[in-house]
Amino acid sequence: MNETLRLTSTLTIICILSAVALSFVYESMNPIIEENKNNRLMAALKEVVPLADNFEEARDIEKFEGIEFIFKGLKDNRIIGYAILSEASGYGGDIKILTGINIEVEITGIKIMEHLETPGLGARIEEREFLDQFTMGVDAVTEATKPNIDAITGATVSSTAVISTVRELIGSIDIEIK
């Protein structure tokens, strides 16, 4: 009985010390993690709206279901485009898609920000070959009779989720921007 109490006390003390150490590390690293996350977002915004030299959150545009945020891309304090972070349901989970559009509602770039898709298959939605298909202008994406965007073989669910989400986004946001 005495041995059991001693082992339980030792294990409890180790668990408490581990929890305190872990929370200290988390608190000290959290600002660095947030700064890196912000830097990654700013780089991605610049990638999808390449002509913009500054970005600010667009609080005056209504966000539709599935849209997390909208940023205005500015050049010389004039709006030249928008970057919209939306979410799709893929095969392995949610896919966060950052879509850049200009004021003519043409896609200027797409970047997959997060996903849980299968490596080697669904994860191919991040490849330039797939994403570059979207930058041909809005007609290539929204025209239902001529879907010019090829899904990825073996990753139909993932690629179709990206394609349909971008189509819905362009169709919804078109009304708000013009």
C-alpha atoms as a PDB file:
ATOM      1  CA  MET A   1       0.000   0.000   0.000  1.00  0.00           C
ATOM      2  CA  ASN A   2       2.796   2.369   0.949  1.00  0.00           C
ATOM      3  CA  GLU A   3       4.634   1.589  -2.322  1.00  0.00           C
ATOM      4  CA  THR A   4       1.474   2.295  -4.374  1.00  0.00           C
ATOM      5  CA  LEU A   5       1.012   5.665  -2.685  1.00  0.00           C
ATOM      6  CA  ARG A   6       4.644   6.610  -3.305  1.00  0.00           C
ATOM      7  CA  LEU A   7       4.430   5.685  -7.036  1.00  0.00           C
ATOM      8  CA  THR A   8       1.111   7.506  -7.453  1.00  0.00           C
ATOM      9  CA  SER A   9       2.512  10.645  -5.801  1.00  0.00           C
ATOM     10  CA  THR A  10       5.641  10.541  -7.964  1.00  0.00           C
ATOM     11  CA  LEU A  11       3.619  10.104 -11.138  1.00  0.00           C
ATOM     12  CA  THR A  12       1.268  12.942 -10.138  1.00  0.00           C
ATOM     13  CA  ILE A  13       4.177  15.314  -9.500  1.00  0.00           C
ATOM     14  CA  ILE A  14       5.762  14.400 -12.857  1.00  0.00           C
ATOM     15  CA  CYS A  15       2.446  15.034 -14.651  1.00  0.00           C
ATOM     16  CA  ILE A  16       1.986  18.422 -12.962  1.00  0.00           C
ATOM     17  CA  LEU A  17       5.555  19.496 -13.773  1.00  0.00           C
ATOM     18  CA  SER A  18       5.139  18.335 -17.385  1.00  0.00           C
ATOM     19  CA  ALA A  19       1.876  20.294 -17.751  1.00  0.00           C
ATOM     20  CA  VAL A  20       3.488  23.457 -16.323  1.00  0.00           C
ATOM     21  CA  ALA A  21       6.495  23.083 -18.640  1.00  0.00           C
ATOM     22  CA  LEU A  22       4.278  22.483 -21.652  1.00  0.00           C
ATOM     23  CA  SER A  23       2.120  25.539 -20.956  1.00  0.00           C
ATOM     24  CA  PHE A  24       5.244  27.679 -20.468  1.00  0.00           C
ATOM     25  CA  VAL A  25       6.634  26.547 -23.829  1.00  0.00           C
ATOM     26  CA  TYR A  26       3.264  27.149 -25.514  1.00  0.00           C
ATOM     27  CA  GLU A  27       2.948  30.663 -24.069  1.00  0.00           C
ATOM     28  CA  SER A  28       6.484  31.612 -25.036  1.00  0.00           C
ATOM     29  CA  MET A  29       6.214  30.189 -28.576  1.00  0.00           C
ATOM     30  CA  ASN A  30       2.677  31.363 -29.398  1.00  0.00           C
ATOM     31  CA  PRO A  31       3.695  34.915 -30.524  1.00  0.00           C
ATOM     32  CA  ILE A  32       6.296  33.436 -32.869  1.00  0.00           C
ATOM     33  CA  ILE A  33       3.766  30.952 -34.261  1.00  0.00           C
ATOM     34  CA  GLU A  34       1.224  33.735 -34.830  1.00  0.00           C
ATOM     35  CA  GLU A  35       3.832  35.945 -36.521  1.00  0.00           C
ATOM     36  CA  ASN A  36       4.850  33.101 -38.856  1.00  0.00           C
ATOM     37  CA  LYS A  37       1.190  32.405 -39.625  1.00  0.00           C
ATOM     38  CA  ASN A  38       0.631  36.087 -40.468  1.00  0.00           C
ATOM     39  CA  ASN A  39       3.763  36.175 -42.675  1.00  0.00           C
ATOM     40  CA  ARG A  40       2.542  33.077 -44.521  1.00  0.00           C
ATOM     41  CA  LEU A  41      -0.862  34.701 -45.061  1.00  0.00           C
ATOM     42  CA  MET A  42       0.671  37.934 -46.394  1.00  0.00           C
ATOM     43  CA  ALA A  43       2.898  35.973 -48.797  1.00  0.00           C
ATOM     44  CA  ALA A  44      -0.130  33.981 -49.983  1.00  0.00           C
ATOM     45  CA  LEU A  45      -2.176  37.178 -50.483  1.00  0.00           C
ATOM     46  CA  LYS A  46       0.634  38.604 -52.606  1.00  0.00           C
ATOM     47  CA  GLU A  47       0.768  35.352 -54.574  1.00  0.00           C
ATOM     48  CA  VAL A  48      -2.948  35.349 -55.497  1.00  0.00           C
ATOM     49  CA  VAL A  49      -3.229  39.118 -56.139  1.00  0.00           C
ATOM     50  CA  PRO A  50       0.296  39.771 -57.450  1.00  0.00           C
ATOM     51  CA  LEU A  51      -0.195  43.378 -58.589  1.00  0.00           C
ATOM     52  CA  ALA A  52      -1.324  44.583 -55.146  1.00  0.00           C
ATOM     53  CA  ASP A  53       1.196  46.322 -52.926  1.00  0.00           C
ATOM     54  CA  ASN A  54      -1.008  46.420 -49.827  1.00  0.00           C
ATOM     55  CA  PHE A  55      -3.925  44.467 -48.356  1.00  0.00           C
ATOM     56  CA  GLU A  56      -6.683  45.341 -45.925  1.00  0.00           C
ATOM     57  CA  GLU A  57      -9.611  43.342 -44.674  1.00  0.00           C
ATOM     58  CA  ALA A  58     -12.822  44.060 -46.592  1.00  0.00           C
ATOM     59  CA  ARG A  59     -15.363  44.527 -43.847  1.00  0.00           C
ATOM     60  CA  ASP A  60     -17.919  46.151 -46.178  1.00  0.00           C
ATOM     61  CA  ILE A  61     -18.498  43.034 -48.306  1.00  0.00           C
ATOM     62  CA  GLU A  62     -20.987  40.450 -47.105  1.00  0.00           C
ATOM     63  CA  LYS A  63     -19.391  37.070 -46.458  1.00  0.00           C
ATOM     64  CA  PHE A  64     -21.318  34.104 -47.785  1.00  0.00           C
ATOM     65  CA  GLU A  65     -21.391  30.657 -46.234  1.00  0.00           C
ATOM     66  CA  GLY A  66     -18.012  29.011 -46.545  1.00  0.00           C
ATOM     67  CA  ILE A  67     -16.072  32.284 -46.753  1.00  0.00           C
ATOM     68  CA  GLU A  68     -13.759  32.924 -43.820  1.00  0.00           C
ATOM     69  CA  PHE A  69     -12.413  36.323 -44.830  1.00  0.00           C
ATOM     70  CA  ILE A  70     -12.057  38.739 -47.736  1.00  0.00           C
ATOM     71  CA  PHE A  71      -9.080  41.058 -48.242  1.00  0.00           C
ATOM     72  CA  LYS A  72      -8.941  44.009 -50.641  1.00  0.00           C
ATOM     73  CA  GLY A  73      -5.816  44.132 -52.785  1.00  0.00           C
ATOM     74  CA  LEU A  74      -4.695  47.743 -53.125  1.00  0.00           C
ATOM     75  CA  LYS A  75      -2.266  49.481 -55.454  1.00  0.00           C
ATOM     76  CA  ASP A  76      -1.746  53.196 -54.909  1.00  0.00           C
ATOM     77  CA  ASN A  77      -4.728  53.066 -52.498  1.00  0.00           C
ATOM     78  CA  ARG A  78      -7.064  51.847 -55.282  1.00  0.00           C
ATOM     79  CA  ILE A  79      -8.755  48.458 -55.166  1.00  0.00           C
ATOM     80  CA  ILE A  80      -7.352  46.238 -57.901  1.00  0.00           C
ATOM     81  CA  GLY A  81      -8.624  42.902 -56.625  1.00  0.00           C
ATOM     82  CA  TYR A  82      -9.714  40.727 -53.761  1.00  0.00           C
ATOM     83  CA  ALA A  83      -8.317  37.694 -51.961  1.00  0.00           C
ATOM     84  CA  ILE A  84     -10.976  35.400 -50.528  1.00  0.00           C
ATOM     85  CA  LEU A  85     -10.357  32.518 -48.154  1.00  0.00           C
ATOM     86  CA  SER A  86     -13.061  29.884 -48.532  1.00  0.00           C
ATOM     87  CA  GLU A  87     -13.530  26.358 -47.302  1.00  0.00           C
ATOM     88  CA  ALA A  88     -14.423  23.174 -49.188  1.00  0.00           C
ATOM     89  CA  SER A  89     -15.118  19.657 -47.978  1.00  0.00           C
ATOM     90  CA  GLY A  90     -12.548  17.310 -49.461  1.00  0.00           C
ATOM     91  CA  TYR A  91     -11.975  13.587 -49.151  1.00  0.00           C
ATOM     92  CA  GLY A  92      -9.798  13.855 -46.039  1.00  0.00           C
ATOM     93  CA  GLY A  93     -11.424  16.892 -44.440  1.00  0.00           C
ATOM     94  CA  ASP A  94     -11.728  20.619 -44.979  1.00  0.00           C
ATOM     95  CA  ILE A  95      -9.698  22.375 -47.678  1.00  0.00           C
ATOM     96  CA  LYS A  96      -8.935  26.079 -47.220  1.00  0.00           C
ATOM     97  CA  ILE A  97      -8.645  27.819 -50.582  1.00  0.00           C
ATOM     98  CA  LEU A  98      -7.316  31.360 -51.067  1.00  0.00           C
ATOM     99  CA  THR A  99      -8.655  32.758 -54.349  1.00  0.00           C
ATOM    100  CA  GLY A 100      -7.478  36.021 -55.881  1.00  0.00           C
ATOM    101  CA  ILE A 101      -9.758  37.897 -58.262  1.00  0.00           C
ATOM    102  CA  ASN A 102      -9.401  41.223 -60.038  1.00  0.00           C
ATOM    103  CA  ILE A 103     -12.109  43.862 -60.355  1.00  0.00           C
ATOM    104  CA  GLU A 104     -13.309  42.263 -63.612  1.00  0.00           C
ATOM    105  CA  VAL A 105     -13.989  39.131 -61.493  1.00  0.00           C
ATOM    106  CA  GLU A 106     -11.280  37.118 -63.218  1.00  0.00           C
ATOM    107  CA  ILE A 107      -9.180  34.742 -61.183  1.00  0.00           C
ATOM    108  CA  THR A 108      -5.642  36.042 -60.687  1.00  0.00           C
ATOM    109  CA  GLY A 109      -4.399  33.166 -58.555  1.00  0.00           C
ATOM    110  CA  ILE A 110      -5.327  30.293 -56.271  1.00  0.00           C
ATOM    111  CA  LYS A 111      -3.441  28.847 -53.336  1.00  0.00           C
ATOM    112  CA  ILE A 112      -4.387  25.912 -51.141  1.00  0.00           C
ATOM    113  CA  MET A 113      -3.711  27.115 -47.596  1.00  0.00           C
ATOM    114  CA  GLU A 114      -4.610  23.974 -45.603  1.00  0.00           C
ATOM    115  CA  HIS A 115      -5.843  20.477 -46.314  1.00  0.00           C
ATOM    116  CA  LEU A 116      -5.885  16.951 -44.916  1.00  0.00           C
ATOM    117  CA  GLU A 117      -5.954  15.155 -48.248  1.00  0.00           C
ATOM    118  CA  THR A 118      -4.076  11.927 -48.952  1.00  0.00           C
ATOM    119  CA  PRO A 119      -0.383  12.546 -49.702  1.00  0.00           C
ATOM    120  CA  GLY A 120       0.432  11.689 -53.306  1.00  0.00           C
ATOM    121  CA  LEU A 121      -3.221  11.742 -54.425  1.00  0.00           C
ATOM    122  CA  GLY A 122      -5.537  14.398 -53.004  1.00  0.00           C
ATOM    123  CA  ALA A 123      -2.560  16.501 -51.951  1.00  0.00           C
ATOM    124  CA  ARG A 124      -1.916  17.073 -55.648  1.00  0.00           C
ATOM    125  CA  ILE A 125      -4.488  19.893 -55.440  1.00  0.00           C
ATOM    126  CA  GLU A 126      -1.520  22.038 -54.350  1.00  0.00           C
ATOM    127  CA  GLU A 127       0.399  21.425 -57.583  1.00  0.00           C
ATOM    128  CA  ARG A 128       0.838  24.330 -60.010  1.00  0.00           C
ATOM    129  CA  GLU A 129      -0.362  22.211 -62.946  1.00  0.00           C
ATOM    130  CA  PHE A 130      -3.806  21.903 -61.342  1.00  0.00           C
ATOM    131  CA  LEU A 131      -4.033  25.420 -59.886  1.00  0.00           C
ATOM    132  CA  ASP A 132      -2.826  27.213 -63.030  1.00  0.00           C
ATOM    133  CA  GLN A 133      -5.953  26.004 -64.852  1.00  0.00           C
ATOM    134  CA  PHE A 134      -7.990  28.524 -62.836  1.00  0.00           C
ATOM    135  CA  THR A 135      -6.132  31.639 -63.986  1.00  0.00           C
ATOM    136  CA  MET A 136      -7.593  31.599 -67.492  1.00  0.00           C
ATOM    137  CA  GLY A 137     -10.408  33.995 -66.540  1.00  0.00           C
ATOM    138  CA  VAL A 138     -13.837  33.664 -65.052  1.00  0.00           C
ATOM    139  CA  ASP A 139     -15.471  32.022 -68.106  1.00  0.00           C
ATOM    140  CA  ALA A 140     -13.253  28.949 -67.774  1.00  0.00           C
ATOM    141  CA  VAL A 141     -14.519  28.418 -64.238  1.00  0.00           C
ATOM    142  CA  THR A 142     -18.192  29.343 -64.297  1.00  0.00           C
ATOM    143  CA  GLU A 143     -19.345  28.166 -67.701  1.00  0.00           C
ATOM    144  CA  ALA A 144     -21.119  24.898 -66.938  1.00  0.00           C
ATOM    145  CA  THR A 145     -21.243  23.708 -70.554  1.00  0.00           C
ATOM    146  CA  LYS A 146     -17.474  23.948 -71.052  1.00  0.00           C
ATOM    147  CA  PRO A 147     -15.694  22.926 -67.863  1.00  0.00           C
ATOM    148  CA  ASN A 148     -12.099  23.609 -68.944  1.00  0.00           C
ATOM    149  CA  ILE A 149     -10.645  22.571 -65.605  1.00  0.00           C
ATOM    150  CA  ASP A 150      -9.493  18.971 -65.459  1.00  0.00           C
ATOM    151  CA  ALA A 151      -9.892  17.062 -62.208  1.00  0.00           C
ATOM    152  CA  ILE A 152      -6.925  15.128 -60.884  1.00  0.00           C
ATOM    153  CA  THR A 153      -7.023  11.430 -61.739  1.00  0.00           C
ATOM    154  CA  GLY A 154      -7.287   9.422 -58.531  1.00  0.00           C
ATOM    155  CA  ALA A 155      -8.224  12.508 -56.529  1.00  0.00           C
ATOM    156  CA  THR A 156     -11.622  13.299 -57.983  1.00  0.00           C
ATOM    157  CA  VAL A 157     -13.260  14.209 -54.656  1.00  0.00           C
ATOM    158  CA  SER A 158     -10.487  16.633 -53.665  1.00  0.00           C
ATOM    159  CA  SER A 159     -10.122  18.330 -57.031  1.00  0.00           C
ATOM    160  CA  THR A 160     -13.881  18.507 -57.625  1.00  0.00           C
ATOM    161  CA  ALA A 161     -14.292  20.116 -54.195  1.00  0.00           C
ATOM    162  CA  VAL A 162     -11.815  22.851 -55.149  1.00  0.00           C
ATOM    163  CA  ILE A 163     -13.368  23.378 -58.590  1.00  0.00           C
ATOM    164  CA  SER A 164     -16.961  23.570 -57.332  1.00  0.00           C
ATOM    165  CA  THR A 165     -16.057  25.835 -54.407  1.00  0.00           C
ATOM    166  CA  VAL A 166     -14.259  28.290 -56.687  1.00  0.00           C
ATOM    167  CA  ARG A 167     -17.205  28.214 -59.125  1.00  0.00           C
ATOM    168  CA  GLU A 168     -19.658  28.962 -56.314  1.00  0.00           C
ATOM    169  CA  LEU A 169     -17.382  31.675 -54.945  1.00  0.00           C
ATOM    170  CA  ILE A 170     -17.090  33.466 -58.283  1.00  0.00           C
ATOM    171  CA  GLY A 171     -20.840  33.204 -58.846  1.00  0.00           C
ATOM    172  CA  SER A 172     -21.612  34.595 -55.385  1.00  0.00           C
ATOM    173  CA  ILE A 173     -18.994  37.318 -55.161  1.00  0.00           C
ATOM    174  CA  ASP A 174     -19.720  38.636 -58.665  1.00  0.00           C
ATOM    175  CA  ILE A 175     -22.859  40.414 -57.435  1.00  0.00           C
ATOM    176  CA  GLU A 176     -21.079  42.062 -54.518  1.00  0.00           C
ATOM    177  CA  ILE A 177     -17.993  43.397 -56.349  1.00  0.00           C
ATOM    178  CA  LYS A 178     -19.641  44.867 -59.426  1.00  0.00           C
END
